[in-house]
Amino acid sequence: MAKVGETDPRWIVAERADGTNVNNWHWTEKNCMPWAKERMPELFEGAKIIENGEDLIKITKVDTMNGECHINTRKGKIFHFFEFEIKLKWSGTIKGDKVEGNFDMPEISFENDMDEHEIRVNVTKAADKHTIRQLVANQGIPKVRKLLETLIEEFRGMRGYLQEVKEVKPLTQTTADSPKPAPAPSHAATTSTPSSSTTTASSSSASGAKTTKVEFNDKFGARPSDIYEALMDPRRVEAYTQSSAQMETKEGGKFALFGGNVTGEFVQLVPNERIVQKWRTSTWPEGHYSTVTIELSEGRKGCDMKLTQVGVPEAEAERTQQAWRENIFERLKRMFGYGMGYSPF
């Protein structure tokens, strides 16, 4: 099972030595954070944010740059993802007085337009901090936004960078030596709130497998309608699962996720409230399906979700829960910014 933030190579369609693109799907991912950390000081440090006669303030240091930045490619399409936490130091002289401070940017995200990013001005040294704060906010913030825009435009133009080093080296799933696919999920669970797995008294299915129940709760910084759409829109599902998704989004419609490793049927669909599926992975006994129920409701600060999956082979319960958590909901939150640090209300 892949760790949070990592890609399980068993769920990535193979890039084979013979050049065959299995099922016509490739997913490649490149971590561009090293580039961003190198490029940002080049752009920002020394940049003049106020220059008026003898008055001069410059950015002196990229003090903090945390987060993530990567390029994904799938079926010839390129996706750019970034989410930064940035702090910049600045200093200079205004009317002969030494002034110092910083810009604090808690979240610079691919989801927002440039003018939507919050940029806070802090003054650490000045004779009149209020006046300097207003001056830097009025004249300095627009210039910081322009520098950020340059950084992001350069990042979005980095098509060639992806081919230089491919961090994810897919494994073929068609050879006898390939590891068996792990039970991948379809739509459901986790991150900040550890989910609890409940094992009921074992029962036996028609296939003879002993089965149990997996259930857990989670919270999202989004509306129930946002989560429902993220679970039911094939293009969105493909984006955060990093694999192909074939979905007939209607009751009785079939679905196949993770290159066919997860298959099933939609049993009941109540928009923005409830999804019920017949669900199985390719490693389960032939013909054996579990039943997944996902319930969405409006919580205090976003969407509350409950997932219940009955009929899971007992030996697969822990891996199935981990798969939901790490390869569906953790990725969904990261891709669309639906962690609890964001409130839609």
Protein backbone atom coordinates (compact mmCIF):
# COMPACT_ATOMS: atom_id res chain seq x y z
CA MET A 1 0.00 0.00 0.00
CA ALA A 2 1.33 3.39 -0.91
CA LYS A 3 1.99 5.89 1.83
CA VAL A 4 0.05 9.13 1.87
CA GLY A 5 1.45 11.38 -0.85
CA GLU A 6 3.04 8.50 -2.72
CA THR A 7 1.82 6.61 -5.77
CA ASP A 8 1.38 2.86 -5.57
CA PRO A 9 3.10 1.66 -8.75
CA ARG A 10 0.74 -1.30 -8.93
CA TRP A 11 -2.05 1.11 -9.83
CA ILE A 12 -0.22 2.96 -12.60
CA VAL A 13 -0.64 1.72 -16.15
CA ALA A 14 2.68 0.37 -17.35
CA GLU A 15 5.20 2.12 -19.54
CA ARG A 16 6.58 -1.04 -21.10
CA ALA A 17 9.97 -1.68 -22.61
CA ASP A 18 8.33 -2.69 -25.89
CA GLY A 19 6.69 0.73 -26.16
CA THR A 20 3.17 -0.63 -25.72
CA ASN A 21 0.86 1.84 -23.99
CA VAL A 22 -1.42 -0.55 -22.10
CA ASN A 23 -5.09 0.36 -22.66
CA ASN A 24 -3.78 3.58 -24.25
CA TRP A 25 -3.18 5.12 -20.80
CA HIS A 26 0.02 6.60 -19.37
CA TRP A 27 0.37 8.48 -16.10
CA THR A 28 3.64 10.19 -15.32
CA GLU A 29 4.35 12.44 -12.37
CA LYS A 30 7.24 14.81 -11.79
CA ASN A 31 7.96 16.55 -8.51
CA CYS A 32 8.83 20.16 -9.42
CA MET A 33 9.29 21.46 -5.89
CA PRO A 34 13.12 21.46 -6.22
CA TRP A 35 12.77 23.67 -9.30
CA ALA A 36 10.34 26.01 -7.50
CA LYS A 37 12.62 26.37 -4.48
CA GLU A 38 15.54 27.23 -6.74
CA ARG A 39 13.62 29.53 -9.07
CA MET A 40 11.75 31.56 -6.47
CA PRO A 41 14.82 33.22 -4.87
CA GLU A 42 16.08 34.06 -8.36
CA LEU A 43 12.86 35.92 -9.12
CA PHE A 44 12.10 37.48 -5.74
CA GLU A 45 15.30 38.24 -3.87
CA GLY A 46 16.51 41.74 -4.70
CA ALA A 47 13.24 42.71 -6.37
CA LYS A 48 12.26 46.33 -5.68
CA ILE A 49 8.73 46.64 -4.34
CA ILE A 50 8.92 50.36 -3.55
CA GLU A 51 11.17 52.82 -5.37
CA ASN A 52 10.46 56.53 -5.15
CA GLY A 53 13.42 58.90 -5.04
CA GLU A 54 15.44 57.98 -1.96
CA ASP A 55 12.70 55.68 -0.68
CA LEU A 56 13.53 52.08 -1.49
CA ILE A 57 12.29 48.70 -0.22
CA LYS A 58 13.50 45.37 -1.60
CA ILE A 59 12.66 41.73 -0.97
CA THR A 60 15.75 40.41 0.79
CA LYS A 61 14.99 36.72 1.33
CA VAL A 62 12.60 33.89 0.57
CA ASP A 63 12.37 32.93 4.22
CA THR A 64 9.91 30.04 3.88
CA MET A 65 8.62 28.03 0.95
CA ASN A 66 6.73 24.88 1.82
CA GLY A 67 4.15 22.84 -0.02
CA GLU A 68 4.05 20.84 -3.21
CA CYS A 69 4.43 21.39 -6.91
CA HIS A 70 4.18 18.70 -9.57
CA ILE A 71 3.28 18.02 -13.18
CA ASN A 72 1.18 15.03 -14.15
CA THR A 73 0.55 13.79 -17.65
CA ARG A 74 -2.20 11.42 -18.69
CA LYS A 75 -3.36 10.47 -22.18
CA GLY A 76 -1.37 13.32 -23.69
CA LYS A 77 -2.83 15.90 -21.31
CA ILE A 78 -0.72 17.82 -18.81
CA PHE A 79 -1.91 18.82 -15.33
CA HIS A 80 -0.06 21.39 -13.21
CA PHE A 81 -0.62 21.24 -9.46
CA PHE A 82 0.86 23.60 -6.88
CA GLU A 83 0.11 24.63 -3.33
CA PHE A 84 2.64 26.83 -1.54
CA GLU A 85 3.06 28.44 1.85
CA ILE A 86 5.47 31.36 1.41
CA LYS A 87 7.07 34.00 3.62
CA LEU A 88 9.25 36.77 2.17
CA LYS A 89 11.44 39.19 4.12
CA TRP A 90 11.76 42.78 2.99
CA SER A 91 13.74 45.80 4.15
CA GLY A 92 14.69 49.29 3.04
CA THR A 93 14.62 52.97 3.86
CA ILE A 94 11.64 55.33 3.88
CA LYS A 95 12.31 59.03 4.50
CA GLY A 96 15.68 58.13 5.93
CA ASP A 97 14.31 55.60 8.43
CA LYS A 98 15.20 51.90 8.30
CA VAL A 99 12.16 49.65 7.83
CA GLU A 100 11.82 45.85 7.87
CA GLY A 101 9.06 43.30 7.65
CA ASN A 102 7.69 40.35 5.74
CA PHE A 103 4.97 39.15 3.41
CA ASP A 104 3.05 36.10 4.65
CA MET A 105 1.21 34.00 2.06
CA PRO A 106 -0.45 31.05 3.83
CA GLU A 107 -1.85 29.40 0.70
CA ILE A 108 -0.94 29.97 -2.93
CA SER A 109 -2.94 27.36 -4.81
CA PHE A 110 -3.64 26.31 -8.39
CA GLU A 111 -7.34 26.57 -7.57
CA ASN A 112 -7.35 30.35 -7.10
CA ASP A 113 -6.97 33.30 -9.42
CA MET A 114 -3.97 35.48 -8.74
CA ASP A 115 -6.00 38.28 -7.13
CA GLU A 116 -7.65 35.79 -4.77
CA HIS A 117 -4.45 34.79 -2.98
CA GLU A 118 -4.12 36.23 0.51
CA ILE A 119 -0.94 38.26 1.06
CA ARG A 120 -0.40 39.65 4.56
CA VAL A 121 1.98 42.50 5.33
CA ASN A 122 3.84 42.45 8.65
CA VAL A 123 6.11 45.29 9.79
CA THR A 124 8.82 44.33 12.29
CA LYS A 125 10.81 47.57 12.31
CA ALA A 126 9.64 51.13 11.59
CA ALA A 127 9.10 54.43 13.37
CA ASP A 128 5.48 54.43 12.21
CA LYS A 129 4.44 50.81 11.61
CA HIS A 130 0.87 51.62 10.58
CA THR A 131 1.95 54.03 7.83
CA ILE A 132 4.62 51.66 6.51
CA ARG A 133 2.20 48.75 6.51
CA GLN A 134 -0.26 50.74 4.40
CA LEU A 135 2.49 51.86 2.05
CA VAL A 136 3.84 48.34 1.53
CA ALA A 137 0.35 46.89 1.16
CA ASN A 138 -0.67 49.46 -1.46
CA GLN A 139 2.52 49.47 -3.52
CA GLY A 140 4.27 46.21 -2.63
CA ILE A 141 1.50 43.61 -2.81
CA PRO A 142 0.72 44.24 -6.53
CA LYS A 143 4.40 43.72 -7.34
CA VAL A 144 4.54 40.50 -5.30
CA ARG A 145 1.47 39.24 -7.18
CA LYS A 146 3.22 40.03 -10.47
CA LEU A 147 6.28 38.04 -9.39
CA LEU A 148 4.07 35.13 -8.33
CA GLU A 149 2.32 35.28 -11.68
CA THR A 150 5.69 35.03 -13.44
CA LEU A 151 6.67 32.01 -11.32
CA ILE A 152 3.40 30.22 -12.03
CA GLU A 153 3.46 31.03 -15.75
CA GLU A 154 6.97 29.58 -15.97
CA PHE A 155 5.82 26.47 -14.12
CA ARG A 156 2.85 26.00 -16.42
CA GLY A 157 5.15 26.28 -19.41
CA MET A 158 7.44 23.49 -18.20
CA ARG A 159 6.26 20.76 -20.56
CA GLY A 160 9.76 19.55 -21.34
CA TYR A 161 10.71 19.27 -17.66
CA LEU A 162 8.46 16.26 -17.22
CA GLN A 163 10.38 14.18 -19.72
CA GLU A 164 13.79 14.91 -18.20
CA VAL A 165 13.32 12.71 -15.15
CA LYS A 166 10.32 10.50 -14.59
CA GLU A 167 10.10 9.91 -10.88
CA VAL A 168 7.27 7.40 -11.14
CA LYS A 169 8.47 4.32 -12.94
CA PRO A 170 5.35 2.27 -13.66
CA LEU A 171 5.46 -1.49 -13.39
CA THR A 172 3.81 -3.63 -15.99
CA GLN A 173 0.72 -5.40 -14.75
CA THR A 174 0.69 -7.96 -17.53
CA THR A 175 3.64 -10.18 -16.67
CA ALA A 176 3.60 -13.19 -14.40
CA ASP A 177 6.14 -11.57 -12.09
CA SER A 178 4.06 -8.43 -11.56
CA PRO A 179 2.65 -7.91 -8.07
CA LYS A 180 -1.07 -8.46 -7.85
CA PRO A 181 -3.05 -5.23 -7.89
CA ALA A 182 -3.91 -3.94 -4.46
CA PRO A 183 -7.59 -3.41 -3.71
CA ALA A 184 -8.09 0.10 -5.05
CA PRO A 185 -11.03 2.17 -3.92
CA SER A 186 -13.66 4.02 -5.81
CA HIS A 187 -14.89 6.99 -3.89
CA ALA A 188 -14.49 7.51 -0.28
CA ALA A 189 -12.53 8.37 2.84
CA THR A 190 -9.94 10.39 4.79
CA THR A 191 -7.03 12.33 6.05
CA SER A 192 -7.24 14.47 9.09
CA THR A 193 -9.81 12.30 10.85
CA PRO A 194 -8.58 8.73 11.37
CA SER A 195 -11.33 6.46 10.19
CA SER A 196 -12.39 3.47 12.20
CA SER A 197 -12.73 0.09 10.62
CA THR A 198 -15.45 -2.06 12.14
CA THR A 199 -15.19 -5.80 11.82
CA THR A 200 -18.50 -7.52 12.40
CA ALA A 201 -18.96 -11.18 13.13
CA SER A 202 -17.64 -12.99 10.09
CA SER A 203 -20.15 -14.27 7.58
CA SER A 204 -19.78 -16.25 4.41
CA SER A 205 -20.74 -15.07 0.94
CA ALA A 206 -22.08 -17.12 -1.91
CA SER A 207 -18.49 -17.48 -3.11
CA GLY A 208 -17.55 -19.09 0.19
CA ALA A 209 -15.33 -16.19 1.32
CA LYS A 210 -15.58 -15.04 4.92
CA THR A 211 -16.65 -11.40 4.87
CA THR A 212 -16.74 -8.42 7.18
CA LYS A 213 -17.71 -4.74 7.18
CA VAL A 214 -15.54 -1.63 6.75
CA GLU A 215 -16.90 1.74 7.80
CA PHE A 216 -15.51 5.15 8.60
CA ASN A 217 -16.37 8.85 8.67
CA ASP A 218 -14.55 11.80 7.16
CA LYS A 219 -14.92 15.56 6.75
CA PHE A 220 -14.24 17.76 3.75
CA GLY A 221 -13.85 21.50 3.36
CA ALA A 222 -16.45 21.52 0.60
CA ARG A 223 -20.18 21.30 0.01
CA PRO A 224 -21.83 17.88 -0.32
CA SER A 225 -22.50 18.76 -3.96
CA ASP A 226 -18.74 19.29 -4.51
CA ILE A 227 -17.87 15.85 -3.11
CA TYR A 228 -20.68 14.16 -5.01
CA GLU A 229 -19.42 15.70 -8.25
CA ALA A 230 -15.82 14.71 -7.48
CA LEU A 231 -16.94 11.11 -7.00
CA MET A 232 -19.23 10.95 -10.04
CA ASP A 233 -17.40 12.96 -12.71
CA PRO A 234 -15.09 10.55 -14.61
CA ARG A 235 -12.62 13.31 -15.52
CA ARG A 236 -12.22 14.34 -11.91
CA VAL A 237 -11.91 10.73 -10.79
CA GLU A 238 -9.18 10.17 -13.38
CA ALA A 239 -7.33 13.26 -12.14
CA TYR A 240 -7.02 12.27 -8.50
CA THR A 241 -6.79 8.48 -8.93
CA GLN A 242 -4.12 8.94 -11.62
CA SER A 243 -5.65 6.25 -13.80
CA SER A 244 -8.47 5.59 -16.24
CA ALA A 245 -12.10 5.71 -15.09
CA GLN A 246 -15.01 4.40 -17.14
CA MET A 247 -18.33 5.32 -15.52
CA GLU A 248 -21.97 5.16 -16.55
CA THR A 249 -23.26 7.54 -13.91
CA LYS A 250 -26.81 6.27 -13.63
CA GLU A 251 -28.57 3.65 -11.55
CA GLY A 252 -27.71 0.31 -13.11
CA GLY A 253 -24.68 1.83 -14.83
CA LYS A 254 -21.34 0.04 -14.74
CA PHE A 255 -17.99 1.47 -13.67
CA ALA A 256 -14.35 0.40 -13.96
CA LEU A 257 -11.59 2.24 -12.11
CA PHE A 258 -7.80 1.91 -11.80
CA GLY A 259 -7.48 0.37 -15.26
CA GLY A 260 -10.18 -2.18 -14.47
CA ASN A 261 -8.81 -3.29 -11.11
CA VAL A 262 -12.00 -2.03 -9.46
CA THR A 263 -15.35 -2.75 -11.12
CA GLY A 264 -18.96 -2.57 -10.14
CA GLU A 265 -22.39 -1.08 -10.67
CA PHE A 266 -24.28 1.94 -9.36
CA VAL A 267 -27.27 0.65 -7.40
CA GLN A 268 -28.68 3.92 -6.06
CA LEU A 269 -27.80 7.55 -6.77
CA VAL A 270 -29.32 10.41 -4.78
CA PRO A 271 -27.54 13.55 -6.01
CA ASN A 272 -25.44 15.28 -3.35
CA GLU A 273 -26.63 12.84 -0.67
CA ARG A 274 -26.09 9.13 -1.28
CA ILE A 275 -24.19 6.71 -3.54
CA VAL A 276 -24.72 2.94 -3.34
CA GLN A 277 -22.55 0.60 -5.41
CA LYS A 278 -21.83 -3.04 -6.04
CA TRP A 279 -18.02 -3.04 -5.77
CA ARG A 280 -15.16 -5.50 -6.18
CA THR A 281 -11.48 -5.69 -7.01
CA SER A 282 -9.87 -8.04 -9.49
CA THR A 283 -8.14 -9.96 -6.69
CA TRP A 284 -11.38 -11.01 -4.98
CA PRO A 285 -13.03 -14.39 -5.61
CA GLU A 286 -14.73 -14.56 -8.97
CA GLY A 287 -18.23 -13.09 -8.90
CA HIS A 288 -17.92 -11.76 -5.34
CA TYR A 289 -19.16 -8.18 -4.80
CA SER A 290 -19.37 -5.98 -1.74
CA THR A 291 -21.90 -3.20 -1.27
CA VAL A 292 -20.59 0.32 -0.72
CA THR A 293 -22.80 3.08 0.67
CA ILE A 294 -21.50 6.66 0.77
CA GLU A 295 -23.64 9.18 2.62
CA LEU A 296 -22.99 12.92 2.36
CA SER A 297 -24.43 15.62 4.59
CA GLU A 298 -23.78 19.26 5.38
CA GLY A 299 -21.66 19.68 8.50
CA ARG A 300 -20.69 22.69 10.56
CA LYS A 301 -17.81 23.69 8.30
CA GLY A 302 -18.23 21.60 5.20
CA CYS A 303 -19.28 18.11 4.19
CA ASP A 304 -19.56 15.14 6.53
CA MET A 305 -19.23 11.74 4.92
CA LYS A 306 -19.93 8.22 6.11
CA LEU A 307 -18.80 5.20 4.12
CA THR A 308 -20.04 1.69 4.86
CA GLN A 309 -18.84 -1.32 2.88
CA VAL A 310 -20.36 -4.71 3.64
CA GLY A 311 -19.31 -8.03 2.20
CA VAL A 312 -15.56 -7.30 2.15
CA PRO A 313 -13.44 -10.50 2.22
CA GLU A 314 -12.09 -10.69 5.74
CA ALA A 315 -8.47 -10.94 4.63
CA GLU A 316 -8.88 -7.77 2.51
CA ALA A 317 -10.59 -5.50 5.06
CA GLU A 318 -7.54 -3.57 6.25
CA ARG A 319 -6.08 -3.11 2.77
CA THR A 320 -9.47 -2.03 1.42
CA GLN A 321 -9.84 0.64 4.07
CA GLN A 322 -6.30 1.89 3.48
CA ALA A 323 -6.95 2.02 -0.24
CA TRP A 324 -10.02 4.21 0.22
CA ARG A 325 -8.15 6.49 2.58
CA GLU A 326 -4.84 6.89 0.79
CA ASN A 327 -5.69 6.55 -2.86
CA ILE A 328 -9.10 8.17 -3.08
CA PHE A 329 -9.92 10.69 -0.39
CA GLU A 330 -6.45 11.90 0.51
CA ARG A 331 -5.77 12.48 -3.17
CA LEU A 332 -9.18 14.07 -3.74
CA LYS A 333 -8.52 16.57 -0.94
CA ARG A 334 -5.08 17.41 -2.27
CA MET A 335 -6.18 17.73 -5.88
CA PHE A 336 -9.17 20.01 -5.24
CA GLY A 337 -8.16 21.67 -1.96
CA TYR A 338 -11.00 20.08 0.02
CA GLY A 339 -9.06 19.59 3.25
CA MET A 340 -10.59 21.01 6.41
CA GLY A 341 -8.28 24.04 6.21
CA TYR A 342 -10.73 25.37 3.61
CA SER A 343 -14.36 26.25 4.31
CA PRO A 344 -16.86 26.69 1.47
CA PHE A 345 -19.19 28.79 3.61
